[in-house]
Amino acid sequence: MRRADRLFQIIQILRRGKKPITADAIAEELETSKRTVYRDIADLIGQRAPIRGEAGVGYILEDGFDLPPLMLTPDEIEAAVLGAQMVAARGDPVLRRAAEDLIAKIGAVIPENLRPLVVEPATRAAPSWKTTPDNIDMAGVRQQIRAGRKLILTYRDEQDRETRRTVWPFAIGYYETSRLIMAWCEMRSDFRSFRTDRVAGAEFTEDRYPDRPASLRARWRRHQQEQWERMQASHKDHRESA
């Protein structure tokens, strides 16, 4: 790998990391020596790249740093097109159009010799034939999430029992045939997921909920991890007592 490419890749590795990344981890990904990584990071800092950290602890890239636009690699093009294909197959109408526009934009800006990766990609997402329709405006749900605003849902469960819930939406899960709104439910005082095909009615309020969407997502991930650990411990106890 050329030195210029290696320096760029180090920036990319640090950019995608949310915690300090060690020189060992960077060296392993770049298939180079730790000594080379130390030297490259010193060079980047000398070029005023806002990298903080130290050997043995790890490095982090401060916010606000950006690079000039650079050409995508063939692997990056295939990854972007494949991801857009999946969204086009499983997303709501607004996201489908956005995914199709994204593929068209990628095809318009890449060199001619790379265009077959977009026009005739070797990797393809399978079409989704049995996707259940959404009974709620998904573009509106995404806007509520971005703004941190509450939703009032009229919701039917598996037994067709109807309840009215005020929820704090923070994420949408896209599955093979259905979509879920992840939210904090005021009625249950807990995290709940709501299938979009079971929504009987929705009110998009202007009321902001008393938390940030990112904070709710972090709490939900911890909640999911704790549930997984409890389930694993229960299975272990059951096996030992059998």
Foldseek 3Di string as FASTA:
>chain_A
DDLVVLLVVVVVVQVPDPAFDALVRSCVVVVHDSVVSVVSVVVVVVVVQQWDDDHPGGIHGDPPDDDPDDDDDLVRLLVLLQVLQVCLQFPDPVSVVVSVVVLVVNLVPHDPVSNCCSVPNPDHDDHQDQAADFPDDVVLVVVCQQVQFWKWFFFQDPVRDTDIWIWGFQDKATDRHWIWTWTQTPVVNGIDIGTRNGTPDMDGDPHHDPDHSVVVVVVVVVVVVVVVVVVVVVVVVVVVVD
